[in-house]
Amino acid sequence: MKAEFGGRFSCLHCLHCCYFKADVEAPTLFPWEKRRIEETLKKGAMTSHKFEPILIYGSEDGVCVVVLYRWLIKGFCPFFNLREKVCTIHDDKPLACRMYPLLLDITGHKLSISLSCDWIRAKKDVIRTSFNNINKIKEVFPTEFQAALEVLSYIENVKRFIKGAGLIQKSSMAGCRRVYDIDEYMERFDGIWKEENG
């Protein structure tokens, strides 16, 4: 008998995706998403927020480039409306939030699912038996899968750029004399290359 998921993913507004107990659970953001979130937080007069670089590349001369940040949130996301159980920036939320309950390990390109999600918990036995079928994943999580593809596509572009620029992965910001966000650095680097190569 063939296992079936039983329909498309539908958010049950269970609170688990927007509540963070540990740093490792907190959303990861690309630099442009971080800047957009910071701007939105400022507009809402939300002053308490912290971002930590978690994927960093650098050069021998002290240039560091941040590819991913972790948005360190303790408790509920500041954009979560607890009374109505909805995200107040739903249409503009980061890719990490848009792909939930899908989780992506960008270093190993492994897709998994969060068992914190109530919808997933209700269907976990069936999902475990069918999760290796990519067509089923796309069928059940179309929007979330598309967000995961966007993340993978961008990471692959960044990796190609990083390799071409001769940058190496760093474990911390130690030794960084100049720090750039990857999108700004790529734009700057591309501009210099065009000037030098006509």
N, C-alpha and C. Protein backbone atom coordinates (compact mmCIF):
# COMPACT_ATOMS: atom_id res chain seq x y z
N MET A 1 0.84 -1.19 0.00
CA MET A 1 0.00 0.00 0.00
C MET A 1 0.88 1.25 0.00
N LYS A 2 0.58 2.16 -0.89
CA LYS A 2 1.37 3.38 -1.03
C LYS A 2 0.96 4.40 0.03
N ALA A 3 1.99 4.95 0.75
CA ALA A 3 1.69 5.97 1.77
C ALA A 3 1.42 7.31 1.11
N GLU A 4 0.45 8.01 1.59
CA GLU A 4 0.12 9.34 1.07
C GLU A 4 0.16 10.35 2.20
N PHE A 5 0.54 11.59 1.84
CA PHE A 5 0.61 12.65 2.84
C PHE A 5 -0.78 13.07 3.32
N GLY A 6 -1.72 13.10 2.44
CA GLY A 6 -3.05 13.54 2.83
C GLY A 6 -3.25 15.03 2.67
N GLY A 7 -2.79 15.61 1.55
CA GLY A 7 -3.04 17.01 1.26
C GLY A 7 -1.84 17.90 1.43
N ARG A 8 -2.04 19.14 1.05
CA ARG A 8 -0.98 20.13 1.17
C ARG A 8 -0.81 20.60 2.60
N PHE A 9 0.40 21.05 2.87
CA PHE A 9 0.69 21.63 4.18
C PHE A 9 -0.20 22.84 4.42
N SER A 10 -0.75 22.92 5.62
CA SER A 10 -1.58 24.05 6.01
C SER A 10 -1.22 24.45 7.44
N CYS A 11 -0.76 25.67 7.60
CA CYS A 11 -0.33 26.14 8.92
C CYS A 11 -1.50 26.10 9.90
N LEU A 12 -1.25 25.50 11.06
CA LEU A 12 -2.28 25.41 12.10
C LEU A 12 -2.16 26.53 13.13
N HIS A 13 -1.21 27.46 12.90
CA HIS A 13 -0.97 28.59 13.83
C HIS A 13 -0.72 28.07 15.24
N CYS A 14 0.21 27.11 15.33
CA CYS A 14 0.46 26.43 16.60
C CYS A 14 1.51 27.11 17.47
N LEU A 15 2.13 28.17 17.03
CA LEU A 15 3.10 28.98 17.77
C LEU A 15 4.54 28.46 17.73
N HIS A 16 4.76 27.20 17.42
CA HIS A 16 6.10 26.61 17.54
C HIS A 16 7.13 27.23 16.60
N CYS A 17 6.72 27.65 15.41
CA CYS A 17 7.68 28.18 14.44
C CYS A 17 8.17 29.58 14.81
N CYS A 18 7.48 30.27 15.67
CA CYS A 18 7.82 31.66 15.97
C CYS A 18 8.29 31.86 17.41
N TYR A 19 8.55 30.76 18.10
CA TYR A 19 9.03 30.82 19.49
C TYR A 19 10.38 30.12 19.54
N PHE A 20 11.37 30.79 20.14
CA PHE A 20 12.74 30.29 20.12
C PHE A 20 13.30 30.18 21.53
N LYS A 21 13.68 28.95 21.89
CA LYS A 21 14.26 28.69 23.21
C LYS A 21 15.77 28.83 23.19
N ALA A 22 16.39 28.40 22.09
CA ALA A 22 17.86 28.40 21.99
C ALA A 22 18.29 29.11 20.71
N ASP A 23 19.51 29.63 20.72
CA ASP A 23 20.03 30.36 19.56
C ASP A 23 19.99 29.54 18.29
N VAL A 24 20.30 28.25 18.40
CA VAL A 24 20.36 27.39 17.22
C VAL A 24 19.00 27.25 16.52
N GLU A 25 17.92 27.52 17.23
CA GLU A 25 16.58 27.46 16.65
C GLU A 25 16.21 28.73 15.90
N ALA A 26 16.90 29.81 16.20
CA ALA A 26 16.56 31.13 15.66
C ALA A 26 16.79 31.17 14.14
N PRO A 27 16.04 32.04 13.45
CA PRO A 27 16.14 32.08 11.98
C PRO A 27 17.49 32.58 11.48
N THR A 28 17.90 32.02 10.34
CA THR A 28 19.09 32.53 9.65
C THR A 28 18.63 33.49 8.57
N LEU A 29 19.42 34.53 8.38
CA LEU A 29 19.06 35.56 7.42
C LEU A 29 20.22 35.85 6.48
N PHE A 30 19.90 36.06 5.22
CA PHE A 30 20.88 36.61 4.31
C PHE A 30 21.06 38.09 4.67
N PRO A 31 22.19 38.68 4.31
CA PRO A 31 22.44 40.08 4.70
C PRO A 31 21.34 41.07 4.32
N TRP A 32 20.79 40.95 3.09
CA TRP A 32 19.74 41.89 2.70
C TRP A 32 18.48 41.69 3.53
N GLU A 33 18.23 40.45 3.96
CA GLU A 33 17.08 40.19 4.83
C GLU A 33 17.34 40.81 6.21
N LYS A 34 18.56 40.69 6.70
CA LYS A 34 18.92 41.29 7.99
C LYS A 34 18.69 42.81 7.95
N ARG A 35 19.16 43.44 6.88
CA ARG A 35 18.99 44.91 6.78
C ARG A 35 17.52 45.29 6.72
N ARG A 36 16.73 44.50 5.98
CA ARG A 36 15.29 44.77 5.87
C ARG A 36 14.60 44.59 7.23
N ILE A 37 14.98 43.54 7.96
CA ILE A 37 14.41 43.30 9.29
C ILE A 37 14.80 44.43 10.24
N GLU A 38 16.07 44.84 10.19
CA GLU A 38 16.52 45.95 11.06
C GLU A 38 15.72 47.22 10.78
N GLU A 39 15.48 47.50 9.51
CA GLU A 39 14.71 48.70 9.13
C GLU A 39 13.27 48.60 9.64
N THR A 40 12.67 47.42 9.50
CA THR A 40 11.29 47.22 9.96
C THR A 40 11.21 47.33 11.48
N LEU A 41 12.22 46.79 12.18
CA LEU A 41 12.27 46.89 13.64
C LEU A 41 12.36 48.35 14.07
N LYS A 42 13.20 49.13 13.37
CA LYS A 42 13.34 50.56 13.70
C LYS A 42 12.02 51.30 13.51
N LYS A 43 11.34 51.01 12.41
CA LYS A 43 10.06 51.67 12.13
C LYS A 43 9.04 51.38 13.23
N GLY A 44 9.11 50.19 13.80
CA GLY A 44 8.19 49.81 14.87
C GLY A 44 8.71 50.16 16.25
N ALA A 45 9.81 50.92 16.30
CA ALA A 45 10.45 51.33 17.56
C ALA A 45 10.83 50.14 18.42
N MET A 46 11.20 49.03 17.76
CA MET A 46 11.67 47.85 18.47
C MET A 46 13.19 47.92 18.49
N THR A 47 13.74 48.22 19.64
CA THR A 47 15.18 48.50 19.72
C THR A 47 16.03 47.32 20.15
N SER A 48 15.45 46.32 20.74
CA SER A 48 16.23 45.21 21.27
C SER A 48 16.28 44.06 20.26
N HIS A 49 17.39 44.01 19.51
CA HIS A 49 17.59 42.92 18.57
C HIS A 49 19.08 42.71 18.34
N LYS A 50 19.43 41.46 18.04
CA LYS A 50 20.84 41.13 17.87
C LYS A 50 20.99 40.11 16.75
N PHE A 51 22.02 40.31 15.93
CA PHE A 51 22.32 39.42 14.82
C PHE A 51 23.76 38.96 14.94
N GLU A 52 23.98 37.68 14.68
CA GLU A 52 25.31 37.11 14.81
C GLU A 52 25.74 36.52 13.46
N PRO A 53 26.92 36.92 12.95
CA PRO A 53 27.41 36.29 11.72
C PRO A 53 27.68 34.81 11.96
N ILE A 54 27.15 33.94 11.08
CA ILE A 54 27.37 32.50 11.28
C ILE A 54 28.03 31.82 10.08
N LEU A 55 28.04 32.46 8.92
CA LEU A 55 28.75 31.93 7.77
C LEU A 55 29.61 33.06 7.22
N ILE A 56 30.91 32.92 7.43
CA ILE A 56 31.87 34.00 7.16
C ILE A 56 32.99 33.47 6.28
N TYR A 57 33.40 34.26 5.32
CA TYR A 57 34.57 33.95 4.50
C TYR A 57 35.53 35.12 4.61
N GLY A 58 36.80 34.84 4.41
CA GLY A 58 37.78 35.91 4.54
C GLY A 58 38.98 35.72 3.63
N SER A 59 39.76 36.81 3.54
CA SER A 59 40.99 36.80 2.76
C SER A 59 42.17 36.93 3.71
N GLU A 60 43.35 36.71 3.19
CA GLU A 60 44.56 36.79 4.01
C GLU A 60 44.83 38.21 4.51
N ASP A 61 44.32 39.21 3.80
CA ASP A 61 44.59 40.60 4.21
C ASP A 61 43.53 41.17 5.16
N GLY A 62 42.69 40.31 5.75
CA GLY A 62 41.75 40.76 6.78
C GLY A 62 40.39 41.20 6.30
N VAL A 63 40.07 40.96 5.03
CA VAL A 63 38.74 41.27 4.53
C VAL A 63 37.83 40.09 4.89
N CYS A 64 36.71 40.37 5.53
CA CYS A 64 35.75 39.33 5.89
C CYS A 64 34.42 39.62 5.22
N VAL A 65 33.78 38.55 4.78
CA VAL A 65 32.52 38.65 4.07
C VAL A 65 31.50 37.75 4.77
N VAL A 66 30.38 38.35 5.20
CA VAL A 66 29.34 37.60 5.90
C VAL A 66 28.27 37.16 4.90
N VAL A 67 28.04 35.84 4.87
CA VAL A 67 27.04 35.27 3.97
C VAL A 67 25.71 35.07 4.69
N LEU A 68 25.76 34.65 5.95
CA LEU A 68 24.53 34.40 6.73
C LEU A 68 24.68 34.94 8.14
N TYR A 69 23.57 35.45 8.65
CA TYR A 69 23.47 35.87 10.05
C TYR A 69 22.44 35.00 10.75
N ARG A 70 22.58 34.89 12.05
CA ARG A 70 21.51 34.31 12.87
C ARG A 70 20.86 35.44 13.64
N TRP A 71 19.54 35.51 13.55
CA TRP A 71 18.79 36.53 14.28
C TRP A 71 18.52 35.96 15.66
N LEU A 72 19.21 36.45 16.64
CA LEU A 72 19.13 35.90 17.99
C LEU A 72 17.87 36.41 18.68
N ILE A 73 16.89 35.54 18.72
CA ILE A 73 15.59 35.87 19.33
C ILE A 73 15.39 34.93 20.52
N LYS A 74 15.01 35.50 21.62
CA LYS A 74 14.64 34.69 22.80
C LYS A 74 13.14 34.85 23.00
N GLY A 75 12.43 33.74 22.97
CA GLY A 75 10.98 33.81 23.11
C GLY A 75 10.33 34.01 21.76
N PHE A 76 9.21 34.74 21.75
CA PHE A 76 8.48 34.96 20.49
C PHE A 76 9.17 35.99 19.61
N CYS A 77 9.08 35.76 18.32
CA CYS A 77 9.55 36.73 17.33
C CYS A 77 8.81 38.05 17.57
N PRO A 78 9.50 39.19 17.48
CA PRO A 78 8.82 40.47 17.70
C PRO A 78 7.73 40.77 16.68
N PHE A 79 7.73 40.06 15.56
CA PHE A 79 6.71 40.28 14.54
C PHE A 79 5.55 39.29 14.64
N PHE A 80 5.56 38.49 15.68
CA PHE A 80 4.47 37.53 15.87
C PHE A 80 3.38 38.16 16.72
N ASN A 81 2.17 38.18 16.19
CA ASN A 81 1.01 38.69 16.92
C ASN A 81 0.43 37.52 17.71
N LEU A 82 0.72 37.50 19.00
CA LEU A 82 0.34 36.38 19.85
C LEU A 82 -1.18 36.22 19.97
N ARG A 83 -1.89 37.33 20.01
CA ARG A 83 -3.34 37.27 20.17
C ARG A 83 -4.01 36.63 18.95
N GLU A 84 -3.56 37.04 17.75
CA GLU A 84 -4.17 36.53 16.52
C GLU A 84 -3.41 35.33 15.94
N LYS A 85 -2.24 35.03 16.52
CA LYS A 85 -1.40 33.92 16.09
C LYS A 85 -1.01 34.02 14.61
N VAL A 86 -0.55 35.20 14.23
CA VAL A 86 -0.12 35.43 12.84
C VAL A 86 1.17 36.25 12.82
N CYS A 87 1.89 36.11 11.73
CA CYS A 87 3.10 36.91 11.49
C CYS A 87 2.67 38.24 10.90
N THR A 88 3.12 39.33 11.49
CA THR A 88 2.72 40.66 11.01
C THR A 88 3.53 41.11 9.80
N ILE A 89 4.58 40.35 9.44
CA ILE A 89 5.34 40.66 8.22
C ILE A 89 5.30 39.45 7.27
N HIS A 90 4.20 38.75 7.29
CA HIS A 90 4.06 37.49 6.54
C HIS A 90 4.52 37.61 5.09
N ASP A 91 4.12 38.65 4.38
CA ASP A 91 4.46 38.79 2.96
C ASP A 91 5.90 39.20 2.74
N ASP A 92 6.60 39.59 3.79
CA ASP A 92 7.97 40.07 3.66
C ASP A 92 8.93 39.33 4.59
N LYS A 93 8.52 38.15 5.05
CA LYS A 93 9.36 37.45 6.02
C LYS A 93 10.55 36.78 5.34
N PRO A 94 11.61 36.51 6.09
CA PRO A 94 12.82 35.91 5.52
C PRO A 94 12.57 34.51 4.94
N LEU A 95 13.46 34.10 4.04
CA LEU A 95 13.35 32.79 3.40
C LEU A 95 13.31 31.65 4.42
N ALA A 96 14.10 31.76 5.49
CA ALA A 96 14.11 30.70 6.51
C ALA A 96 12.72 30.51 7.11
N CYS A 97 12.00 31.60 7.25
CA CYS A 97 10.63 31.52 7.79
C CYS A 97 9.65 31.03 6.72
N ARG A 98 9.87 31.46 5.48
CA ARG A 98 8.97 31.05 4.40
C ARG A 98 9.05 29.57 4.09
N MET A 99 10.21 28.95 4.32
CA MET A 99 10.34 27.54 4.00
C MET A 99 9.91 26.61 5.15
N TYR A 100 9.68 27.15 6.32
CA TYR A 100 9.27 26.35 7.47
C TYR A 100 7.91 25.70 7.20
N PRO A 101 7.72 24.42 7.52
CA PRO A 101 8.47 23.54 8.39
C PRO A 101 9.61 22.76 7.73
N LEU A 102 9.94 23.10 6.47
CA LEU A 102 11.11 22.50 5.86
C LEU A 102 12.35 23.16 6.44
N LEU A 103 13.36 22.37 6.69
CA LEU A 103 14.64 22.86 7.21
C LEU A 103 15.72 22.46 6.22
N LEU A 104 16.68 23.35 6.01
CA LEU A 104 17.71 23.09 5.02
C LEU A 104 19.09 23.23 5.64
N ASP A 105 19.88 22.18 5.51
CA ASP A 105 21.29 22.23 5.89
C ASP A 105 22.03 22.67 4.64
N ILE A 106 22.46 23.93 4.61
CA ILE A 106 23.05 24.46 3.38
C ILE A 106 24.43 23.89 3.09
N THR A 107 25.12 23.40 4.11
CA THR A 107 26.45 22.85 3.87
C THR A 107 26.36 21.47 3.21
N GLY A 108 25.38 20.69 3.60
CA GLY A 108 25.23 19.35 3.03
C GLY A 108 24.10 19.22 2.05
N HIS A 109 23.37 20.33 1.80
CA HIS A 109 22.22 20.34 0.90
C HIS A 109 21.19 19.28 1.30
N LYS A 110 20.97 19.15 2.60
CA LYS A 110 20.01 18.17 3.10
C LYS A 110 18.74 18.86 3.56
N LEU A 111 17.63 18.35 3.07
CA LEU A 111 16.33 18.89 3.43
C LEU A 111 15.72 17.98 4.48
N SER A 112 15.17 18.59 5.53
CA SER A 112 14.48 17.82 6.56
C SER A 112 13.23 18.58 6.97
N ILE A 113 12.51 18.05 7.94
CA ILE A 113 11.30 18.71 8.41
C ILE A 113 11.37 18.90 9.92
N SER A 114 10.70 19.93 10.37
CA SER A 114 10.66 20.22 11.80
C SER A 114 9.54 19.43 12.46
N LEU A 115 9.92 18.65 13.46
CA LEU A 115 8.90 17.91 14.22
C LEU A 115 8.26 18.77 15.30
N SER A 116 8.65 20.06 15.35
CA SER A 116 8.00 20.97 16.30
C SER A 116 6.64 21.43 15.78
N CYS A 117 6.46 21.35 14.46
CA CYS A 117 5.23 21.81 13.82
C CYS A 117 4.09 20.83 14.11
N ASP A 118 2.95 21.33 14.59
CA ASP A 118 1.81 20.46 14.92
C ASP A 118 1.26 19.72 13.69
N TRP A 119 1.26 20.37 12.53
CA TRP A 119 0.77 19.72 11.31
C TRP A 119 1.65 18.52 10.99
N ILE A 120 2.97 18.70 11.11
CA ILE A 120 3.93 17.62 10.85
C ILE A 120 3.75 16.50 11.89
N ARG A 121 3.61 16.89 13.14
CA ARG A 121 3.43 15.87 14.20
C ARG A 121 2.22 14.99 13.93
N ALA A 122 1.16 15.59 13.45
CA ALA A 122 -0.07 14.82 13.20
C ALA A 122 0.12 13.83 12.04
N LYS A 123 1.07 14.12 11.15
CA LYS A 123 1.28 13.27 9.98
C LYS A 123 2.68 12.67 9.94
N LYS A 124 3.40 12.69 11.05
CA LYS A 124 4.83 12.33 11.03
C LYS A 124 5.12 10.91 10.56
N ASP A 125 4.29 9.95 10.89
CA ASP A 125 4.57 8.57 10.46
C ASP A 125 4.50 8.44 8.94
N VAL A 126 3.49 9.05 8.34
CA VAL A 126 3.35 9.01 6.88
C VAL A 126 4.46 9.81 6.23
N ILE A 127 4.78 10.96 6.78
CA ILE A 127 5.81 11.82 6.21
C ILE A 127 7.17 11.13 6.25
N ARG A 128 7.49 10.46 7.32
CA ARG A 128 8.77 9.74 7.42
C ARG A 128 8.92 8.72 6.30
N THR A 129 7.85 8.04 5.96
CA THR A 129 7.95 7.01 4.93
C THR A 129 7.97 7.59 3.52
N SER A 130 7.55 8.82 3.34
CA SER A 130 7.45 9.40 2.01
C SER A 130 8.42 10.56 1.75
N PHE A 131 9.18 10.97 2.76
CA PHE A 131 9.96 12.20 2.62
C PHE A 131 11.10 12.09 1.62
N ASN A 132 11.49 10.89 1.25
CA ASN A 132 12.57 10.75 0.28
C ASN A 132 12.07 10.92 -1.16
N ASN A 133 10.79 11.13 -1.35
CA ASN A 133 10.21 11.34 -2.67
C ASN A 133 10.09 12.83 -2.93
N ILE A 134 11.01 13.35 -3.77
CA ILE A 134 11.08 14.80 -4.01
C ILE A 134 9.79 15.34 -4.62
N ASN A 135 9.13 14.56 -5.46
CA ASN A 135 7.87 15.02 -6.06
C ASN A 135 6.78 15.18 -5.01
N LYS A 136 6.77 14.28 -4.02
CA LYS A 136 5.78 14.40 -2.94
C LYS A 136 6.05 15.65 -2.09
N ILE A 137 7.33 15.91 -1.85
CA ILE A 137 7.69 17.10 -1.06
C ILE A 137 7.20 18.35 -1.78
N LYS A 138 7.46 18.43 -3.08
CA LYS A 138 7.02 19.59 -3.87
C LYS A 138 5.50 19.72 -3.88
N GLU A 139 4.82 18.59 -3.90
CA GLU A 139 3.36 18.57 -3.93
C GLU A 139 2.76 19.05 -2.60
N VAL A 140 3.33 18.58 -1.51
CA VAL A 140 2.77 18.88 -0.19
C VAL A 140 3.23 20.25 0.32
N PHE A 141 4.46 20.63 -0.01
CA PHE A 141 5.03 21.90 0.48
C PHE A 141 5.46 22.78 -0.70
N PRO A 142 4.54 23.16 -1.59
CA PRO A 142 4.96 23.89 -2.80
C PRO A 142 5.62 25.24 -2.51
N THR A 143 5.03 26.03 -1.66
CA THR A 143 5.58 27.35 -1.35
C THR A 143 6.87 27.23 -0.55
N GLU A 144 6.86 26.35 0.42
CA GLU A 144 8.02 26.15 1.29
C GLU A 144 9.20 25.57 0.50
N PHE A 145 8.90 24.64 -0.40
CA PHE A 145 9.93 24.03 -1.24
C PHE A 145 10.55 25.08 -2.16
N GLN A 146 9.73 25.96 -2.70
CA GLN A 146 10.23 27.03 -3.57
C GLN A 146 11.18 27.94 -2.80
N ALA A 147 10.86 28.26 -1.56
CA ALA A 147 11.75 29.09 -0.73
C ALA A 147 13.07 28.36 -0.48
N ALA A 148 13.01 27.06 -0.24
CA ALA A 148 14.24 26.27 -0.04
C ALA A 148 15.09 26.28 -1.31
N LEU A 149 14.46 26.19 -2.47
CA LEU A 149 15.19 26.26 -3.74
C LEU A 149 15.86 27.62 -3.92
N GLU A 150 15.18 28.68 -3.52
CA GLU A 150 15.77 30.03 -3.60
C GLU A 150 17.03 30.11 -2.74
N VAL A 151 16.96 29.54 -1.54
CA VAL A 151 18.12 29.54 -0.64
C VAL A 151 19.27 28.78 -1.29
N LEU A 152 19.00 27.58 -1.78
CA LEU A 152 20.04 26.76 -2.41
C LEU A 152 20.65 27.45 -3.63
N SER A 153 19.82 28.04 -4.44
CA SER A 153 20.30 28.73 -5.64
C SER A 153 21.25 29.87 -5.27
N TYR A 154 20.84 30.66 -4.29
CA TYR A 154 21.68 31.78 -3.87
C TYR A 154 22.99 31.28 -3.27
N ILE A 155 22.93 30.27 -2.45
CA ILE A 155 24.14 29.72 -1.82
C ILE A 155 25.10 29.18 -2.89
N GLU A 156 24.57 28.52 -3.91
CA GLU A 156 25.42 28.01 -4.98
C GLU A 156 26.11 29.15 -5.73
N ASN A 157 25.38 30.23 -6.01
CA ASN A 157 25.97 31.41 -6.66
C ASN A 157 27.06 32.01 -5.79
N VAL A 158 26.79 32.10 -4.50
CA VAL A 158 27.78 32.65 -3.56
C VAL A 158 29.03 31.77 -3.52
N LYS A 159 28.83 30.46 -3.48
CA LYS A 159 29.98 29.55 -3.43
C LYS A 159 30.88 29.72 -4.65
N ARG A 160 30.26 29.86 -5.83
CA ARG A 160 31.05 30.07 -7.05
C ARG A 160 31.83 31.38 -6.96
N PHE A 161 31.16 32.41 -6.48
CA PHE A 161 31.83 33.71 -6.33
C PHE A 161 32.98 33.62 -5.33
N ILE A 162 32.72 33.02 -4.17
CA ILE A 162 33.72 32.87 -3.11
C ILE A 162 34.97 32.15 -3.64
N LYS A 163 34.73 31.07 -4.37
CA LYS A 163 35.85 30.31 -4.93
C LYS A 163 36.65 31.18 -5.89
N GLY A 164 35.96 31.89 -6.77
CA GLY A 164 36.64 32.76 -7.73
C GLY A 164 37.39 33.91 -7.07
N ALA A 165 36.88 34.37 -5.94
CA ALA A 165 37.51 35.48 -5.22
C ALA A 165 38.64 35.01 -4.31
N GLY A 166 38.79 33.69 -4.18
CA GLY A 166 39.87 33.15 -3.34
C GLY A 166 39.66 33.33 -1.85
N LEU A 167 38.40 33.42 -1.43
CA LEU A 167 38.10 33.57 -0.01
C LEU A 167 37.98 32.18 0.63
N ILE A 168 38.34 32.10 1.91
CA ILE A 168 38.22 30.83 2.63
C ILE A 168 37.27 30.98 3.81
N GLN A 169 36.61 29.89 4.16
CA GLN A 169 35.65 29.94 5.27
C GLN A 169 36.38 30.16 6.59
N LYS A 170 35.79 31.00 7.43
CA LYS A 170 36.33 31.31 8.75
C LYS A 170 35.36 30.83 9.82
N SER A 171 35.89 30.53 10.98
CA SER A 171 35.04 30.07 12.08
C SER A 171 34.56 31.22 12.96
N SER A 172 35.18 32.39 12.81
CA SER A 172 34.78 33.55 13.62
C SER A 172 35.20 34.83 12.90
N MET A 173 34.87 35.94 13.52
CA MET A 173 35.23 37.24 12.96
C MET A 173 36.62 37.69 13.41
N ALA A 174 37.33 36.84 14.13
CA ALA A 174 38.67 37.18 14.62
C ALA A 174 39.58 37.51 13.44
N GLY A 175 40.31 38.59 13.58
CA GLY A 175 41.25 39.00 12.54
C GLY A 175 40.65 39.80 11.41
N CYS A 176 39.36 40.08 11.49
CA CYS A 176 38.70 40.85 10.43
C CYS A 176 39.04 42.34 10.58
N ARG A 177 39.61 42.91 9.55
CA ARG A 177 39.90 44.35 9.57
C ARG A 177 38.82 45.14 8.83
N ARG A 178 38.26 44.54 7.81
CA ARG A 178 37.15 45.14 7.06
C ARG A 178 36.08 44.07 6.88
N VAL A 179 34.83 44.44 7.12
CA VAL A 179 33.74 43.47 7.04
C VAL A 179 32.70 43.97 6.02
N TYR A 180 32.30 43.05 5.14
CA TYR A 180 31.29 43.34 4.14
C TYR A 180 30.20 42.28 4.21
N ASP A 181 29.00 42.66 3.84
CA ASP A 181 27.95 41.68 3.60
C ASP A 181 28.18 41.13 2.20
N ILE A 182 27.89 39.86 1.98
CA ILE A 182 28.20 39.20 0.72
C ILE A 182 27.59 39.89 -0.49
N ASP A 183 26.35 40.33 -0.39
CA ASP A 183 25.72 40.96 -1.56
C ASP A 183 26.42 42.27 -1.91
N GLU A 184 26.79 43.05 -0.91
CA GLU A 184 27.50 44.31 -1.15
C GLU A 184 28.90 44.04 -1.69
N TYR A 185 29.55 43.01 -1.15
CA TYR A 185 30.90 42.67 -1.59
C TYR A 185 30.89 42.17 -3.04
N MET A 186 29.91 41.33 -3.38
CA MET A 186 29.81 40.83 -4.74
C MET A 186 29.58 41.98 -5.72
N GLU A 187 28.73 42.91 -5.34
CA GLU A 187 28.46 44.06 -6.20
C GLU A 187 29.72 44.91 -6.37
N ARG A 188 30.43 45.14 -5.29
CA ARG A 188 31.67 45.92 -5.31
C ARG A 188 32.72 45.21 -6.16
N PHE A 189 32.89 43.91 -5.94
CA PHE A 189 33.88 43.11 -6.65
C PHE A 189 33.57 43.09 -8.14
N ASP A 190 32.29 42.91 -8.47
CA ASP A 190 31.85 42.87 -9.86
C ASP A 190 32.15 44.21 -10.55
N GLY A 191 31.92 45.31 -9.83
CA GLY A 191 32.21 46.64 -10.38
C GLY A 191 33.68 46.83 -10.66
N ILE A 192 34.53 46.37 -9.75
CA ILE A 192 36.00 46.49 -9.93
C ILE A 192 36.43 45.63 -11.11
N TRP A 193 35.88 44.41 -11.20
CA TRP A 193 36.24 43.51 -12.30
C TRP A 193 35.87 44.14 -13.63
N LYS A 194 34.68 44.73 -13.71
CA LYS A 194 34.23 45.35 -14.97
C LYS A 194 35.13 46.51 -15.35
N GLU A 195 35.55 47.32 -14.35
CA GLU A 195 36.45 48.45 -14.63
C GLU A 195 37.79 47.95 -15.15
N GLU A 196 38.32 46.88 -14.53
CA GLU A 196 39.64 46.38 -14.90
C GLU A 196 39.62 45.64 -16.23
N ASN A 197 38.47 45.06 -16.59
CA ASN A 197 38.39 44.25 -17.79
C ASN A 197 37.54 44.86 -18.89
N GLY A 198 37.24 46.12 -18.75
CA GLY A 198 36.54 46.88 -19.77
C GLY A 198 35.18 46.39 -20.06
